[in-house]
């Protein structure tokens, strides 16, 4: 059975990781064009960062649930 404190912790973890994702994606879109890196390299690095941050969301939810149960 799911615990209420665990669900609250999971919601906090979801909110925190989603906020980090959206702020990072906003910053990547506003990044100035650097003459050293090509557009293809920027897209490749942005895709890697996006994938890591999306994988972070369920991890943070699980950690939040665990911490919520401990408290």
PDB file of N, CA and C in Angstrom:
ATOM      1  N   UNK A   1       0.834  -1.179   0.000  1.00  0.00           N
ATOM      2  CA  UNK A   1       0.000   0.000   0.000  1.00  0.00           C
ATOM      3  C   UNK A   1       0.883   1.249   0.000  1.00  0.00           C
ATOM      4  N   UNK A   2       0.458   2.232  -0.715  1.00  0.00           N
ATOM      5  CA  UNK A   2       1.221   3.468  -0.820  1.00  0.00           C
ATOM      6  C   UNK A   2       0.973   4.351   0.403  1.00  0.00           C
ATOM      7  N   UNK A   3       2.042   4.975   0.872  1.00  0.00           N
ATOM      8  CA  UNK A   3       1.899   5.836   2.045  1.00  0.00           C
ATOM      9  C   UNK A   3       1.725   7.290   1.601  1.00  0.00           C
ATOM     10  N   UNK A   4       0.985   8.047   2.384  1.00  0.00           N
ATOM     11  CA  UNK A   4       0.734   9.457   2.084  1.00  0.00           C
ATOM     12  C   UNK A   4       2.035  10.267   2.135  1.00  0.00           C
ATOM     13  N   UNK A   5       2.877  10.113   3.179  1.00  0.00           N
ATOM     14  CA  UNK A   5       4.136  10.868   3.175  1.00  0.00           C
ATOM     15  C   UNK A   5       5.034  10.502   1.993  1.00  0.00           C
ATOM     16  N   UNK A   6       5.002   9.242   1.609  1.00  0.00           N
ATOM     17  CA  UNK A   6       5.775   8.815   0.447  1.00  0.00           C
ATOM     18  C   UNK A   6       5.287   9.474  -0.832  1.00  0.00           C
ATOM     19  N   UNK A   7       3.967   9.558  -0.988  1.00  0.00           N
ATOM     20  CA  UNK A   7       3.404  10.209  -2.170  1.00  0.00           C
ATOM     21  C   UNK A   7       3.707  11.702  -2.190  1.00  0.00           C
ATOM     22  N   UNK A   8       3.712  12.325  -1.018  1.00  0.00           N
ATOM     23  CA  UNK A   8       4.073  13.745  -0.948  1.00  0.00           C
ATOM     24  C   UNK A   8       5.536  13.922  -1.348  1.00  0.00           C
ATOM     25  N   UNK A   9       6.403  13.051  -0.858  1.00  0.00           N
ATOM     26  CA  UNK A   9       7.816  13.091  -1.241  1.00  0.00           C
ATOM     27  C   UNK A   9       7.998  12.858  -2.727  1.00  0.00           C
ATOM     28  N   UNK A  10       7.225  11.936  -3.289  1.00  0.00           N
ATOM     29  CA  UNK A  10       7.302  11.674  -4.726  1.00  0.00           C
ATOM     30  C   UNK A  10       6.861  12.890  -5.529  1.00  0.00           C
ATOM     31  N   UNK A  11       5.831  13.574  -5.055  1.00  0.00           N
ATOM     32  CA  UNK A  11       5.369  14.787  -5.739  1.00  0.00           C
ATOM     33  C   UNK A  11       6.418  15.886  -5.679  1.00  0.00           C
ATOM     34  N   UNK A  12       7.091  16.005  -4.541  1.00  0.00           N
ATOM     35  CA  UNK A  12       8.166  16.996  -4.422  1.00  0.00           C
ATOM     36  C   UNK A  12       9.320  16.637  -5.356  1.00  0.00           C
ATOM     37  N   UNK A  13       9.676  15.366  -5.421  1.00  0.00           N
ATOM     38  CA  UNK A  13      10.730  14.920  -6.336  1.00  0.00           C
ATOM     39  C   UNK A  13      10.363  15.165  -7.782  1.00  0.00           C
ATOM     40  N   UNK A  14       9.112  14.919  -8.135  1.00  0.00           N
ATOM     41  CA  UNK A  14       8.644  15.170  -9.496  1.00  0.00           C
ATOM     42  C   UNK A  14       8.695  16.656  -9.823  1.00  0.00           C
ATOM     43  N   UNK A  15       8.246  17.481  -8.898  1.00  0.00           N
ATOM     44  CA  UNK A  15       8.257  18.928  -9.131  1.00  0.00           C
ATOM     45  C   UNK A  15       9.681  19.454  -9.273  1.00  0.00           C
ATOM     46  N   UNK A  16      10.579  18.987  -8.415  1.00  0.00           N
ATOM     47  CA  UNK A  16      11.965  19.463  -8.459  1.00  0.00           C
ATOM     48  C   UNK A  16      12.654  19.050  -9.750  1.00  0.00           C
ATOM     49  N   UNK A  17      12.512  17.787 -10.136  1.00  0.00           N
ATOM     50  CA  UNK A  17      13.182  17.331 -11.351  1.00  0.00           C
ATOM     51  C   UNK A  17      12.560  17.937 -12.600  1.00  0.00           C
ATOM     52  N   UNK A  18      11.263  18.160 -12.599  1.00  0.00           N
ATOM     53  CA  UNK A  18      10.621  18.808 -13.748  1.00  0.00           C
ATOM     54  C   UNK A  18      11.057  20.261 -13.868  1.00  0.00           C
ATOM     55  N   UNK A  19      11.180  20.937 -12.738  1.00  0.00           N
ATOM     56  CA  UNK A  19      11.649  22.319 -12.754  1.00  0.00           C
ATOM     57  C   UNK A  19      13.070  22.406 -13.289  1.00  0.00           C
ATOM     58  N   UNK A  20      13.939  21.514 -12.844  1.00  0.00           N
ATOM     59  CA  UNK A  20      15.317  21.491 -13.340  1.00  0.00           C
ATOM     60  C   UNK A  20      15.326  21.227 -14.839  1.00  0.00           C
ATOM     61  N   UNK A  21      14.493  20.304 -15.306  1.00  0.00           N
ATOM     62  CA  UNK A  21      14.428  19.992 -16.740  1.00  0.00           C
ATOM     63  C   UNK A  21      14.012  21.215 -17.555  1.00  0.00           C
ATOM     64  N   UNK A  22      12.930  21.868 -17.150  1.00  0.00           N
ATOM     65  CA  UNK A  22      12.433  22.991 -17.933  1.00  0.00           C
ATOM     66  C   UNK A  22      13.378  24.184 -17.905  1.00  0.00           C
ATOM     67  N   UNK A  23      14.006  24.443 -16.768  1.00  0.00           N
ATOM     68  CA  UNK A  23      14.961  25.550 -16.691  1.00  0.00           C
ATOM     69  C   UNK A  23      16.179  25.263 -17.567  1.00  0.00           C
ATOM     70  N   UNK A  24      16.669  24.040 -17.531  1.00  0.00           N
ATOM     71  CA  UNK A  24      17.830  23.682 -18.355  1.00  0.00           C
ATOM     72  C   UNK A  24      17.497  23.758 -19.834  1.00  0.00           C
ATOM     73  N   UNK A  25      16.331  23.267 -20.232  1.00  0.00           N
ATOM     74  CA  UNK A  25      15.960  23.341 -21.645  1.00  0.00           C
ATOM     75  C   UNK A  25      15.783  24.794 -22.094  1.00  0.00           C
ATOM     76  N   UNK A  26      15.241  25.639 -21.233  1.00  0.00           N
ATOM     77  CA  UNK A  26      15.095  27.053 -21.568  1.00  0.00           C
ATOM     78  C   UNK A  26      16.467  27.694 -21.746  1.00  0.00           C
ATOM     79  N   UNK A  27      17.410  27.359 -20.869  1.00  0.00           N
ATOM     80  CA  UNK A  27      18.748  27.920 -20.977  1.00  0.00           C
ATOM     81  C   UNK A  27      19.462  27.422 -22.226  1.00  0.00           C
ATOM     82  N   UNK A  28      19.241  26.171 -22.600  1.00  0.00           N
ATOM     83  CA  UNK A  28      19.871  25.639 -23.807  1.00  0.00           C
ATOM     84  C   UNK A  28      19.320  26.310 -25.065  1.00  0.00           C
ATOM     85  N   UNK A  29      18.049  26.638 -25.070  1.00  0.00           N
ATOM     86  CA  UNK A  29      17.460  27.305 -26.231  1.00  0.00           C
ATOM     87  C   UNK A  29      17.962  28.726 -26.371  1.00  0.00           C
ATOM     88  N   UNK A  30      18.245  29.381 -25.252  1.00  0.00           N
ATOM     89  CA  UNK A  30      18.702  30.766 -25.279  1.00  0.00           C
ATOM     90  C   UNK A  30      20.217  30.885 -25.401  1.00  0.00           C
ATOM     91  N   UNK A  31      20.896  29.746 -25.494  1.00  0.00           N
ATOM     92  CA  UNK A  31      22.346  29.739 -25.569  1.00  0.00           C
ATOM     93  C   UNK A  31      22.806  30.487 -26.820  1.00  0.00           C
ATOM     94  N   UNK A  32      23.790  31.324 -26.646  1.00  0.00           N
ATOM     95  CA  UNK A  32      24.304  32.081 -27.783  1.00  0.00           C
ATOM     96  C   UNK A  32      25.064  31.164 -28.716  1.00  0.00           C
ATOM     97  N   UNK A  33      25.073  31.528 -29.960  1.00  0.00           N
ATOM     98  CA  UNK A  33      25.756  30.733 -30.974  1.00  0.00           C
ATOM     99  C   UNK A  33      27.255  30.923 -30.800  1.00  0.00           C
ATOM    100  N   UNK A  34      27.951  29.821 -30.599  1.00  0.00           N
ATOM    101  CA  UNK A  34      29.393  29.842 -30.418  1.00  0.00           C
ATOM    102  C   UNK A  34      30.049  29.513 -31.747  1.00  0.00           C
ATOM    103  N   UNK A  35      31.052  30.254 -32.111  1.00  0.00           N
ATOM    104  CA  UNK A  35      31.684  30.047 -33.415  1.00  0.00           C
ATOM    105  C   UNK A  35      32.500  28.761 -33.459  1.00  0.00           C
ATOM    106  N   UNK A  36      32.853  28.219 -32.282  1.00  0.00           N
ATOM    107  CA  UNK A  36      33.679  27.012 -32.242  1.00  0.00           C
ATOM    108  C   UNK A  36      32.841  25.758 -32.505  1.00  0.00           C
ATOM    109  N   UNK A  37      31.642  25.685 -31.951  1.00  0.00           N
ATOM    110  CA  UNK A  37      30.817  24.491 -32.106  1.00  0.00           C
ATOM    111  C   UNK A  37      29.806  24.683 -33.234  1.00  0.00           C
ATOM    112  N   UNK A  38      29.569  23.627 -33.949  1.00  0.00           N
ATOM    113  CA  UNK A  38      28.604  23.684 -35.042  1.00  0.00           C
ATOM    114  C   UNK A  38      27.201  23.440 -34.506  1.00  0.00           C
ATOM    115  N   UNK A  39      26.222  23.716 -35.323  1.00  0.00           N
ATOM    116  CA  UNK A  39      24.827  23.514 -34.921  1.00  0.00           C
ATOM    117  C   UNK A  39      24.551  22.037 -34.647  1.00  0.00           C
ATOM    118  N   UNK A  40      25.176  21.166 -35.434  1.00  0.00           N
ATOM    119  CA  UNK A  40      24.968  19.729 -35.240  1.00  0.00           C
ATOM    120  C   UNK A  40      25.529  19.277 -33.889  1.00  0.00           C
ATOM    121  N   UNK A  41      26.684  19.787 -33.501  1.00  0.00           N
ATOM    122  CA  UNK A  41      27.266  19.422 -32.209  1.00  0.00           C
ATOM    123  C   UNK A  41      26.417  19.949 -31.056  1.00  0.00           C
ATOM    124  N   UNK A  42      25.877  21.160 -31.211  1.00  0.00           N
ATOM    125  CA  UNK A  42      25.007  21.715 -30.167  1.00  0.00           C
ATOM    126  C   UNK A  42      23.747  20.887 -30.022  1.00  0.00           C
ATOM    127  N   UNK A  43      23.160  20.470 -31.138  1.00  0.00           N
ATOM    128  CA  UNK A  43      21.953  19.638 -31.091  1.00  0.00           C
ATOM    129  C   UNK A  43      22.237  18.282 -30.452  1.00  0.00           C
ATOM    130  N   UNK A  44      23.377  17.711 -30.771  1.00  0.00           N
ATOM    131  CA  UNK A  44      23.746  16.414 -30.210  1.00  0.00           C
ATOM    132  C   UNK A  44      23.943  16.519 -28.694  1.00  0.00           C
ATOM    133  N   UNK A  45      24.616  17.572 -28.250  1.00  0.00           N
ATOM    134  CA  UNK A  45      24.828  17.728 -26.813  1.00  0.00           C
ATOM    135  C   UNK A  45      23.511  18.062 -26.102  1.00  0.00           C
ATOM    136  N   UNK A  46      22.652  18.851 -26.739  1.00  0.00           N
ATOM    137  CA  UNK A  46      21.348  19.163 -26.141  1.00  0.00           C
ATOM    138  C   UNK A  46      20.494  17.905 -26.030  1.00  0.00           C
ATOM    139  N   UNK A  47      20.564  17.027 -27.019  1.00  0.00           N
ATOM    140  CA  UNK A  47      19.800  15.774 -26.973  1.00  0.00           C
ATOM    141  C   UNK A  47      20.313  14.874 -25.848  1.00  0.00           C
ATOM    142  N   UNK A  48      21.629  14.842 -25.646  1.00  0.00           N
ATOM    143  CA  UNK A  48      22.185  14.033 -24.562  1.00  0.00           C
ATOM    144  C   UNK A  48      21.767  14.582 -23.204  1.00  0.00           C
ATOM    145  N   UNK A  49      21.803  15.905 -23.054  1.00  0.00           N
ATOM    146  CA  UNK A  49      21.387  16.522 -21.793  1.00  0.00           C
ATOM    147  C   UNK A  49      19.905  16.266 -21.552  1.00  0.00           C
ATOM    148  N   UNK A  50      19.093  16.381 -22.590  1.00  0.00           N
ATOM    149  CA  UNK A  50      17.652  16.146 -22.473  1.00  0.00           C
ATOM    150  C   UNK A  50      17.373  14.711 -22.031  1.00  0.00           C
ATOM    151  N   UNK A  51      18.090  13.759 -22.594  1.00  0.00           N
ATOM    152  CA  UNK A  51      17.870  12.357 -22.256  1.00  0.00           C
ATOM    153  C   UNK A  51      18.264  12.084 -20.803  1.00  0.00           C
ATOM    154  N   UNK A  52      19.368  12.660 -20.351  1.00  0.00           N
ATOM    155  CA  UNK A  52      19.796  12.469 -18.967  1.00  0.00           C
ATOM    156  C   UNK A  52      18.785  13.070 -18.003  1.00  0.00           C
ATOM    157  N   UNK A  53      18.299  14.275 -18.319  1.00  0.00           N
ATOM    158  CA  UNK A  53      17.336  14.926 -17.430  1.00  0.00           C
ATOM    159  C   UNK A  53      15.996  14.208 -17.417  1.00  0.00           C
ATOM    160  N   UNK A  54      15.588  13.656 -18.549  1.00  0.00           N
ATOM    161  CA  UNK A  54      14.337  12.898 -18.567  1.00  0.00           C
ATOM    162  C   UNK A  54      14.467  11.597 -17.777  1.00  0.00           C
ATOM    163  N   UNK A  55      15.648  10.986 -17.802  1.00  0.00           N
ATOM    164  CA  UNK A  55      15.864   9.780 -17.003  1.00  0.00           C
ATOM    165  C   UNK A  55      15.927  10.116 -15.526  1.00  0.00           C
ATOM    166  N   UNK A  56      16.276  11.360 -15.206  1.00  0.00           N
ATOM    167  CA  UNK A  56      16.376  11.794 -13.819  1.00  0.00           C
ATOM    168  C   UNK A  56      15.003  11.925 -13.156  1.00  0.00           C
ATOM    169  N   UNK A  57      13.964  12.163 -13.911  1.00  0.00           N
ATOM    170  CA  UNK A  57      12.635  12.387 -13.335  1.00  0.00           C
ATOM    171  C   UNK A  57      12.139  11.169 -12.550  1.00  0.00           C
ATOM    172  N   UNK A  58      12.109   9.963 -13.116  1.00  0.00           N
ATOM    173  CA  UNK A  58      11.631   8.831 -12.301  1.00  0.00           C
ATOM    174  C   UNK A  58      12.564   8.499 -11.132  1.00  0.00           C
ATOM    175  N   UNK A  59      13.850   8.785 -11.278  1.00  0.00           N
ATOM    176  CA  UNK A  59      14.789   8.545 -10.185  1.00  0.00           C
ATOM    177  C   UNK A  59      14.479   9.477  -9.019  1.00  0.00           C
ATOM    178  N   UNK A  60      14.241  10.749  -9.323  1.00  0.00           N
ATOM    179  CA  UNK A  60      13.934  11.714  -8.271  1.00  0.00           C
ATOM    180  C   UNK A  60      12.583  11.408  -7.616  1.00  0.00           C
ATOM    181  N   UNK A  61      11.635  10.905  -8.393  1.00  0.00           N
ATOM    182  CA  UNK A  61      10.341  10.513  -7.817  1.00  0.00           C
ATOM    183  C   UNK A  61      10.544   9.359  -6.840  1.00  0.00           C
ATOM    184  N   UNK A  62      11.342   8.379  -7.216  1.00  0.00           N
ATOM    185  CA  UNK A  62      11.586   7.234  -6.326  1.00  0.00           C
ATOM    186  C   UNK A  62      12.330   7.661  -5.066  1.00  0.00           C
ATOM    187  N   UNK A  63      13.323   8.516  -5.217  1.00  0.00           N
ATOM    188  CA  UNK A  63      14.063   9.002  -4.051  1.00  0.00           C
ATOM    189  C   UNK A  63      13.141   9.831  -3.155  1.00  0.00           C
ATOM    190  N   UNK A  64      12.307  10.660  -3.763  1.00  0.00           N
ATOM    191  CA  UNK A  64      11.358  11.448  -2.982  1.00  0.00           C
ATOM    192  C   UNK A  64      10.383  10.574  -2.224  1.00  0.00           C
ATOM    193  N   UNK A  65       9.922   9.510  -2.843  1.00  0.00           N
ATOM    194  CA  UNK A  65       9.012   8.584  -2.165  1.00  0.00           C
ATOM    195  C   UNK A  65       9.714   7.929  -0.979  1.00  0.00           C
ATOM    196  N   UNK A  66      10.945   7.510  -1.190  1.00  0.00           N
ATOM    197  CA  UNK A  66      11.704   6.865  -0.124  1.00  0.00           C
ATOM    198  C   UNK A  66      11.950   7.823   1.040  1.00  0.00           C
ATOM    199  N   UNK A  67      12.390   9.040   0.729  1.00  0.00           N
ATOM    200  CA  UNK A  67      12.650  10.020   1.777  1.00  0.00           C
ATOM    201  C   UNK A  67      11.355  10.396   2.494  1.00  0.00           C
ATOM    202  N   UNK A  68      10.263  10.499   1.741  1.00  0.00           N
ATOM    203  CA  UNK A  68       8.974  10.795   2.359  1.00  0.00           C
ATOM    204  C   UNK A  68       8.548   9.714   3.338  1.00  0.00           C
ATOM    205  N   UNK A  69       8.847   8.472   3.042  1.00  0.00           N
ATOM    206  CA  UNK A  69       8.517   7.390   3.967  1.00  0.00           C
ATOM    207  C   UNK A  69       9.387   7.426   5.201  1.00  0.00           C
ATOM    208  N   UNK A  70      10.636   7.863   5.042  1.00  0.00           N
ATOM    209  CA  UNK A  70      11.537   7.930   6.192  1.00  0.00           C
ATOM    210  C   UNK A  70      11.131   9.020   7.175  1.00  0.00           C
ATOM    211  N   UNK A  71      10.604  10.100   6.640  1.00  0.00           N
ATOM    212  CA  UNK A  71      10.220  11.211   7.517  1.00  0.00           C
ATOM    213  C   UNK A  71       8.826  10.960   7.989  1.00  0.00           C
TER     214      UNK A  71
END
